[in-house]
PDB file of N, CA and C in Angstrom:
ATOM      1  N   MET A   1      -8.606  20.034  -9.629  1.00  0.00           N
ATOM      2  CA  MET A   1      -8.748  18.834  -8.199  1.00  0.00           C
ATOM      3  C   MET A   1      -8.464  20.022  -7.497  1.00  0.00           C
ATOM      4  N   GLN A   2      -9.075  20.263  -6.285  1.00  0.00           N
ATOM      5  CA  GLN A   2      -8.637  21.139  -4.911  1.00  0.00           C
ATOM      6  C   GLN A   2      -8.443  20.256  -4.109  1.00  0.00           C
ATOM      7  N   THR A   3      -7.482  21.001  -3.205  1.00  0.00           N
ATOM      8  CA  THR A   3      -6.686  20.216  -1.769  1.00  0.00           C
ATOM      9  C   THR A   3      -6.314  21.420  -0.773  1.00  0.00           C
ATOM     10  N   THR A   4      -6.632  20.965   0.587  1.00  0.00           N
ATOM     11  CA  THR A   4      -6.908  21.430   2.052  1.00  0.00           C
ATOM     12  C   THR A   4      -5.352  21.564   1.763  1.00  0.00           C
ATOM     13  N   PRO A   5      -4.711  22.276   2.325  1.00  0.00           N
ATOM     14  CA  PRO A   5      -3.061  22.233   3.608  1.00  0.00           C
ATOM     15  C   PRO A   5      -2.833  21.278   3.478  1.00  0.00           C
ATOM     16  N   ASP A   6      -3.482  20.255   4.404  1.00  0.00           N
ATOM     17  CA  ASP A   6      -2.987  18.762   4.925  1.00  0.00           C
ATOM     18  C   ASP A   6      -3.392  17.707   4.057  1.00  0.00           C
ATOM     19  N   GLN A   7      -4.155  18.263   2.686  1.00  0.00           N
ATOM     20  CA  GLN A   7      -4.515  16.769   1.908  1.00  0.00           C
ATOM     21  C   GLN A   7      -3.307  16.704   0.820  1.00  0.00           C
ATOM     22  N   SER A   8      -3.102  15.911   0.370  1.00  0.00           N
ATOM     23  CA  SER A   8      -2.494  15.675  -0.620  1.00  0.00           C
ATOM     24  C   SER A   8      -2.992  15.282  -2.389  1.00  0.00           C
ATOM     25  N   PHE A   9      -2.898  15.297  -3.259  1.00  0.00           N
ATOM     26  CA  PHE A   9      -2.940  14.779  -4.653  1.00  0.00           C
ATOM     27  C   PHE A   9      -3.566  13.434  -4.667  1.00  0.00           C
ATOM     28  N   GLU A  10      -3.590  12.498  -3.779  1.00  0.00           N
ATOM     29  CA  GLU A  10      -3.422  11.388  -3.474  1.00  0.00           C
ATOM     30  C   GLU A  10      -5.180  10.740  -3.459  1.00  0.00           C
ATOM     31  N   GLN A  11      -5.733  11.442  -3.084  1.00  0.00           N
ATOM     32  CA  GLN A  11      -7.250  11.504  -2.678  1.00  0.00           C
ATOM     33  C   GLN A  11      -8.284  12.481  -3.573  1.00  0.00           C
ATOM     34  N   LEU A  12      -9.283  11.590  -4.067  1.00  0.00           N
ATOM     35  CA  LEU A  12     -10.290  12.302  -4.620  1.00  0.00           C
ATOM     36  C   LEU A  12     -10.979  13.321  -4.058  1.00  0.00           C
ATOM     37  N   LEU A  13     -11.791  14.700  -3.903  1.00  0.00           N
ATOM     38  CA  LEU A  13     -12.276  14.902  -2.702  1.00  0.00           C
ATOM     39  C   LEU A  13     -13.587  14.900  -3.397  1.00  0.00           C
ATOM     40  N   PRO A  14     -14.657  14.957  -2.207  1.00  0.00           N
ATOM     41  CA  PRO A  14     -15.811  15.673  -2.741  1.00  0.00           C
ATOM     42  C   PRO A  14     -16.906  15.676  -3.773  1.00  0.00           C
ATOM     43  N   GLY A  15     -15.942  17.195  -3.574  1.00  0.00           N
ATOM     44  CA  GLY A  15     -16.727  18.171  -4.740  1.00  0.00           C
ATOM     45  C   GLY A  15     -16.087  17.366  -6.290  1.00  0.00           C
ATOM     46  N   ASP A  16     -14.744  17.245  -6.021  1.00  0.00           N
ATOM     47  CA  ASP A  16     -14.556  16.986  -7.849  1.00  0.00           C
ATOM     48  C   ASP A  16     -15.024  15.115  -7.972  1.00  0.00           C
ATOM     49  N   ALA A  17     -15.765  14.572  -6.577  1.00  0.00           N
ATOM     50  CA  ALA A  17     -16.500  13.566  -7.751  1.00  0.00           C
ATOM     51  C   ALA A  17     -17.141  13.771  -7.882  1.00  0.00           C
ATOM     52  N   GLU A  18     -18.073  14.574  -7.327  1.00  0.00           N
ATOM     53  CA  GLU A  18     -19.690  15.384  -7.882  1.00  0.00           C
ATOM     54  C   GLU A  18     -19.264  15.753  -9.440  1.00  0.00           C
ATOM     55  N   ALA A  19     -18.002  16.609  -9.284  1.00  0.00           N
ATOM     56  CA  ALA A  19     -18.211  16.719 -10.841  1.00  0.00           C
ATOM     57  C   ALA A  19     -18.012  16.284 -12.111  1.00  0.00           C
ATOM     58  N   ILE A  20     -16.969  14.904 -11.952  1.00  0.00           N
ATOM     59  CA  ILE A  20     -17.315  14.197 -12.513  1.00  0.00           C
ATOM     60  C   ILE A  20     -18.736  13.120 -12.500  1.00  0.00           C
ATOM     61  N   LEU A  21     -19.538  12.981 -11.659  1.00  0.00           N
ATOM     62  CA  LEU A  21     -20.772  12.685 -11.673  1.00  0.00           C
ATOM     63  C   LEU A  21     -21.961  13.164 -12.743  1.00  0.00           C
ATOM     64  N   GLU A  22     -21.480  14.292 -12.538  1.00  0.00           N
ATOM     65  CA  GLU A  22     -22.330  15.295 -13.347  1.00  0.00           C
ATOM     66  C   GLU A  22     -22.212  15.324 -14.897  1.00  0.00           C
ATOM     67  N   ARG A  23     -21.209  15.094 -15.115  1.00  0.00           N
ATOM     68  CA  ARG A  23     -20.751  15.007 -16.773  1.00  0.00           C
ATOM     69  C   ARG A  23     -20.824  13.293 -17.154  1.00  0.00           C
ATOM     70  N   LEU A  24     -21.129  12.314 -16.021  1.00  0.00           N
ATOM     71  CA  LEU A  24     -21.057  10.930 -16.644  1.00  0.00           C
ATOM     72  C   LEU A  24     -22.500  10.693 -17.149  1.00  0.00           C
ATOM     73  N   PRO A  25     -22.963   9.760 -18.008  1.00  0.00           N
ATOM     74  CA  PRO A  25     -23.878   9.415 -18.263  1.00  0.00           C
ATOM     75  C   PRO A  25     -25.096   8.852 -17.236  1.00  0.00           C
ATOM     76  N   GLU A  26     -26.424   9.506 -17.169  1.00  0.00           N
ATOM     77  CA  GLU A  26     -27.071   8.835 -15.762  1.00  0.00           C
ATOM     78  C   GLU A  26     -26.863   7.324 -15.589  1.00  0.00           C
ATOM     79  N   ARG A  27     -27.044   6.495 -16.747  1.00  0.00           N
ATOM     80  CA  ARG A  27     -26.628   5.296 -15.681  1.00  0.00           C
ATOM     81  C   ARG A  27     -25.537   4.772 -15.348  1.00  0.00           C
ATOM     82  N   ILE A  28     -24.745   4.923 -15.727  1.00  0.00           N
ATOM     83  CA  ILE A  28     -23.208   4.987 -14.660  1.00  0.00           C
ATOM     84  C   ILE A  28     -23.318   5.975 -13.445  1.00  0.00           C
ATOM     85  N   ARG A  29     -23.932   7.080 -13.649  1.00  0.00           N
ATOM     86  CA  ARG A  29     -23.794   7.629 -12.523  1.00  0.00           C
ATOM     87  C   ARG A  29     -24.596   7.188 -11.184  1.00  0.00           C
ATOM     88  N   ALA A  30     -25.686   6.226 -11.966  1.00  0.00           N
ATOM     89  CA  ALA A  30     -26.615   5.651 -10.847  1.00  0.00           C
ATOM     90  C   ALA A  30     -25.243   4.372 -10.176  1.00  0.00           C
ATOM     91  N   ALA A  31     -24.766   3.724 -11.066  1.00  0.00           N
ATOM     92  CA  ALA A  31     -24.154   3.011 -10.860  1.00  0.00           C
ATOM     93  C   ALA A  31     -23.048   3.135  -9.557  1.00  0.00           C
ATOM     94  N   PHE A  32     -22.383   4.577 -10.248  1.00  0.00           N
ATOM     95  CA  PHE A  32     -21.483   4.477  -8.620  1.00  0.00           C
ATOM     96  C   PHE A  32     -22.279   4.580  -7.682  1.00  0.00           C
ATOM     97  N   VAL A  33     -22.904   5.611  -7.260  1.00  0.00           N
ATOM     98  CA  VAL A  33     -24.116   6.146  -6.139  1.00  0.00           C
ATOM     99  C   VAL A  33     -24.334   5.069  -5.627  1.00  0.00           C
ATOM    100  N   GLU A  34     -25.047   3.783  -6.488  1.00  0.00           N
ATOM    101  CA  GLU A  34     -25.558   2.423  -5.916  1.00  0.00           C
ATOM    102  C   GLU A  34     -24.651   1.507  -5.552  1.00  0.00           C
ATOM    103  N   ARG A  35     -23.430   1.497  -6.268  1.00  0.00           N
ATOM    104  CA  ARG A  35     -22.256   0.736  -5.613  1.00  0.00           C
ATOM    105  C   ARG A  35     -21.442   1.144  -4.211  1.00  0.00           C
ATOM    106  N   ALA A  36     -21.582   2.600  -4.053  1.00  0.00           N
ATOM    107  CA  ALA A  36     -21.162   3.075  -2.919  1.00  0.00           C
ATOM    108  C   ALA A  36     -21.906   2.956  -1.801  1.00  0.00           C
ATOM    109  N   ALA A  37     -23.335   3.036  -2.286  1.00  0.00           N
ATOM    110  CA  ALA A  37     -24.744   2.735  -1.070  1.00  0.00           C
ATOM    111  C   ALA A  37     -24.308   1.071  -0.401  1.00  0.00           C
ATOM    112  N   GLU A  38     -24.511   0.410  -1.296  1.00  0.00           N
ATOM    113  CA  GLU A  38     -24.172  -1.290  -1.323  1.00  0.00           C
ATOM    114  C   GLU A  38     -22.882  -1.722  -0.222  1.00  0.00           C
ATOM    115  N   ILE A  39     -21.960  -0.495  -0.276  1.00  0.00           N
ATOM    116  CA  ILE A  39     -20.267  -1.101   0.273  1.00  0.00           C
ATOM    117  C   ILE A  39     -20.255  -0.075   1.491  1.00  0.00           C
ATOM    118  N   ASP A  40     -20.892   0.760   1.907  1.00  0.00           N
ATOM    119  CA  ASP A  40     -21.297   1.692   2.586  1.00  0.00           C
ATOM    120  C   ASP A  40     -20.288   3.015   2.681  1.00  0.00           C
ATOM    121  N   TYR A  41     -19.883   3.037   1.130  1.00  0.00           N
ATOM    122  CA  TYR A  41     -18.923   4.100   1.261  1.00  0.00           C
ATOM    123  C   TYR A  41     -18.618   4.896   0.638  1.00  0.00           C
ATOM    124  N   PRO A  42     -18.096   6.018   0.819  1.00  0.00           N
ATOM    125  CA  PRO A  42     -18.021   7.313   0.022  1.00  0.00           C
ATOM    126  C   PRO A  42     -18.025   7.012  -1.753  1.00  0.00           C
ATOM    127  N   VAL A  43     -19.198   8.187  -2.137  1.00  0.00           N
ATOM    128  CA  VAL A  43     -18.447   7.504  -3.825  1.00  0.00           C
ATOM    129  C   VAL A  43     -17.847   8.022  -4.651  1.00  0.00           C
ATOM    130  N   GLU A  44     -16.773   8.749  -3.604  1.00  0.00           N
ATOM    131  CA  GLU A  44     -15.143   9.248  -4.319  1.00  0.00           C
ATOM    132  C   GLU A  44     -14.234   8.048  -4.135  1.00  0.00           C
ATOM    133  N   ALA A  45     -14.833   7.569  -2.987  1.00  0.00           N
ATOM    134  CA  ALA A  45     -13.687   6.282  -3.191  1.00  0.00           C
ATOM    135  C   ALA A  45     -14.342   5.335  -3.811  1.00  0.00           C
ATOM    136  N   VAL A  46     -15.146   4.977  -4.711  1.00  0.00           N
ATOM    137  CA  VAL A  46     -15.490   4.074  -5.566  1.00  0.00           C
ATOM    138  C   VAL A  46     -15.061   4.608  -7.088  1.00  0.00           C
ATOM    139  N   ILE A  47     -15.353   5.969  -7.006  1.00  0.00           N
ATOM    140  CA  ILE A  47     -14.826   6.544  -8.408  1.00  0.00           C
ATOM    141  C   ILE A  47     -13.639   6.297  -8.728  1.00  0.00           C
ATOM    142  N   GLU A  48     -12.488   5.981  -6.986  1.00  0.00           N
ATOM    143  CA  GLU A  48     -10.981   5.868  -7.266  1.00  0.00           C
ATOM    144  C   GLU A  48     -10.475   4.495  -7.465  1.00  0.00           C
ATOM    145  N   MET A  49     -11.406   3.884  -6.742  1.00  0.00           N
ATOM    146  CA  MET A  49     -11.164   2.221  -7.095  1.00  0.00           C
ATOM    147  C   MET A  49     -11.312   1.597  -8.565  1.00  0.00           C
ATOM    148  N   ALA A  50     -12.671   2.369  -9.308  1.00  0.00           N
ATOM    149  CA  ALA A  50     -12.924   2.386 -10.337  1.00  0.00           C
ATOM    150  C   ALA A  50     -11.740   2.008 -11.415  1.00  0.00           C
ATOM    151  N   LEU A  51     -11.250   3.252 -11.361  1.00  0.00           N
ATOM    152  CA  LEU A  51     -10.231   4.126 -11.820  1.00  0.00           C
ATOM    153  C   LEU A  51      -9.156   3.559 -12.181  1.00  0.00           C
ATOM    154  N   ALA A  52      -8.928   3.079 -10.408  1.00  0.00           N
ATOM    155  CA  ALA A  52      -7.735   1.841 -10.070  1.00  0.00           C
ATOM    156  C   ALA A  52      -7.700   0.437 -10.607  1.00  0.00           C
ATOM    157  N   GLY A  53      -8.790  -0.304 -10.823  1.00  0.00           N
ATOM    158  CA  GLY A  53      -9.019  -1.278 -11.696  1.00  0.00           C
ATOM    159  C   GLY A  53      -8.816  -1.458 -13.070  1.00  0.00           C
ATOM    160  N   TYR A  54      -9.483  -0.052 -13.604  1.00  0.00           N
ATOM    161  CA  TYR A  54      -9.262   0.156 -15.070  1.00  0.00           C
ATOM    162  C   TYR A  54      -7.545   0.263 -15.355  1.00  0.00           C
ATOM    163  N   LEU A  55      -6.848   1.155 -14.568  1.00  0.00           N
ATOM    164  CA  LEU A  55      -5.360   1.645 -15.092  1.00  0.00           C
ATOM    165  C   LEU A  55      -4.505   0.082 -14.521  1.00  0.00           C
ATOM    166  N   ASP A  56      -4.511  -0.764 -13.734  1.00  0.00           N
ATOM    167  CA  ASP A  56      -4.009  -1.685 -12.944  1.00  0.00           C
ATOM    168  C   ASP A  56      -4.875  -3.135 -12.750  1.00  0.00           C
ATOM    169  N   PRO A  57      -5.332  -3.931 -13.193  1.00  0.00           N
ATOM    170  CA  PRO A  57      -5.981  -4.697 -13.195  1.00  0.00           C
ATOM    171  C   PRO A  57      -5.697  -5.598 -11.650  1.00  0.00           C
ATOM    172  N   GLU A  58      -4.589  -5.385 -11.619  1.00  0.00           N
ATOM    173  CA  GLU A  58      -4.210  -5.943 -10.173  1.00  0.00           C
ATOM    174  C   GLU A  58      -4.210  -4.988  -9.259  1.00  0.00           C
ATOM    175  N   ALA A  59      -4.629  -4.145  -9.326  1.00  0.00           N
ATOM    176  CA  ALA A  59      -4.923  -3.079  -7.744  1.00  0.00           C
ATOM    177  C   ALA A  59      -5.794  -3.974  -7.023  1.00  0.00           C
ATOM    178  N   ILE A  60      -5.658  -3.053  -5.311  1.00  0.00           N
ATOM    179  CA  ILE A  60      -6.255  -3.785  -4.562  1.00  0.00           C
ATOM    180  C   ILE A  60      -8.195  -3.829  -4.989  1.00  0.00           C
ATOM    181  N   ALA A  61      -8.870  -4.377  -4.376  1.00  0.00           N
ATOM    182  CA  ALA A  61     -10.749  -4.524  -4.922  1.00  0.00           C
ATOM    183  C   ALA A  61     -10.892  -4.518  -3.530  1.00  0.00           C
ATOM    184  N   PHE A  62     -11.973  -3.784  -3.512  1.00  0.00           N
ATOM    185  CA  PHE A  62     -12.594  -3.750  -1.622  1.00  0.00           C
ATOM    186  C   PHE A  62     -14.759  -4.518  -2.672  1.00  0.00           C
ATOM    187  N   VAL A  63     -14.281  -5.537  -3.147  1.00  0.00           N
ATOM    188  CA  VAL A  63     -15.229  -6.365  -3.164  1.00  0.00           C
ATOM    189  C   VAL A  63     -16.191  -6.758  -1.994  1.00  0.00           C
ATOM    190  N   ASP A  64     -15.634  -6.817  -0.843  1.00  0.00           N
ATOM    191  CA  ASP A  64     -15.946  -7.586  -0.133  1.00  0.00           C
ATOM    192  C   ASP A  64     -16.324  -6.167   1.338  1.00  0.00           C
ATOM    193  N   CYS A  65     -15.684  -5.439   0.774  1.00  0.00           N
ATOM    194  CA  CYS A  65     -15.333  -4.415   1.862  1.00  0.00           C
ATOM    195  C   CYS A  65     -16.432  -3.537   2.865  1.00  0.00           C
ATOM    196  N   LYS A  66     -16.592  -3.573   3.498  1.00  0.00           N
ATOM    197  CA  LYS A  66     -17.506  -3.094   4.873  1.00  0.00           C
ATOM    198  C   LYS A  66     -17.032  -2.310   5.996  1.00  0.00           C
ATOM    199  N   PRO A  67     -16.311  -1.461   5.312  1.00  0.00           N
ATOM    200  CA  PRO A  67     -15.623  -0.358   6.066  1.00  0.00           C
ATOM    201  C   PRO A  67     -16.326   0.175   7.097  1.00  0.00           C
ATOM    202  N   LYS A  68     -17.454   0.331   7.685  1.00  0.00           N
ATOM    203  CA  LYS A  68     -17.797   0.864   8.705  1.00  0.00           C
ATOM    204  C   LYS A  68     -18.609  -0.289   9.786  1.00  0.00           C
ATOM    205  N   ARG A  69     -18.403  -1.301   9.206  1.00  0.00           N
ATOM    206  CA  ARG A  69     -18.368  -2.728  10.260  1.00  0.00           C
ATOM    207  C   ARG A  69     -17.793  -2.920  11.582  1.00  0.00           C
ATOM    208  N   GLY A  70     -18.225  -3.209  12.519  1.00  0.00           N
ATOM    209  CA  GLY A  70     -17.799  -3.053  13.652  1.00  0.00           C
ATOM    210  C   GLY A  70     -17.324  -1.606  14.692  1.00  0.00           C
ATOM    211  N   GLN A  71     -17.560  -0.994  14.163  1.00  0.00           N
ATOM    212  CA  GLN A  71     -18.140   0.637  14.197  1.00  0.00           C
ATOM    213  C   GLN A  71     -19.069   0.732  15.215  1.00  0.00           C
ATOM    214  N   ARG A  72     -18.921   1.520  16.091  1.00  0.00           N
ATOM    215  CA  ARG A  72     -20.122   2.034  17.184  1.00  0.00           C
ATOM    216  C   ARG A  72     -20.680   3.344  15.785  1.00  0.00           C
ATOM    217  N   VAL A  73     -21.719   2.958  16.346  1.00  0.00           N
ATOM    218  CA  VAL A  73     -22.767   4.229  16.551  1.00  0.00           C
ATOM    219  C   VAL A  73     -23.367   5.323  17.559  1.00  0.00           C
ATOM    220  N   ALA A  74     -22.575   6.457  17.413  1.00  0.00           N
ATOM    221  CA  ALA A  74     -23.053   7.078  18.122  1.00  0.00           C
ATOM    222  C   ALA A  74     -24.411   7.980  18.501  1.00  0.00           C
TER     223      ALA A  74
END
């Protein structure tokens, strides 16, 4: 995992997410990409959520997450 000086290991970087996606079967890759589009969230965040949910069933879920709702479009 690569980091920038101001970023810790707490967050999956987009390039790392792409590396993970490249190694997954097509149907799983497509599911991650589709879910990210559904909730308008970066695919790396969706991968993190999936891993967190697997490792800790009580982890925060983003089932109804709409992160850009209410933001102004520039």
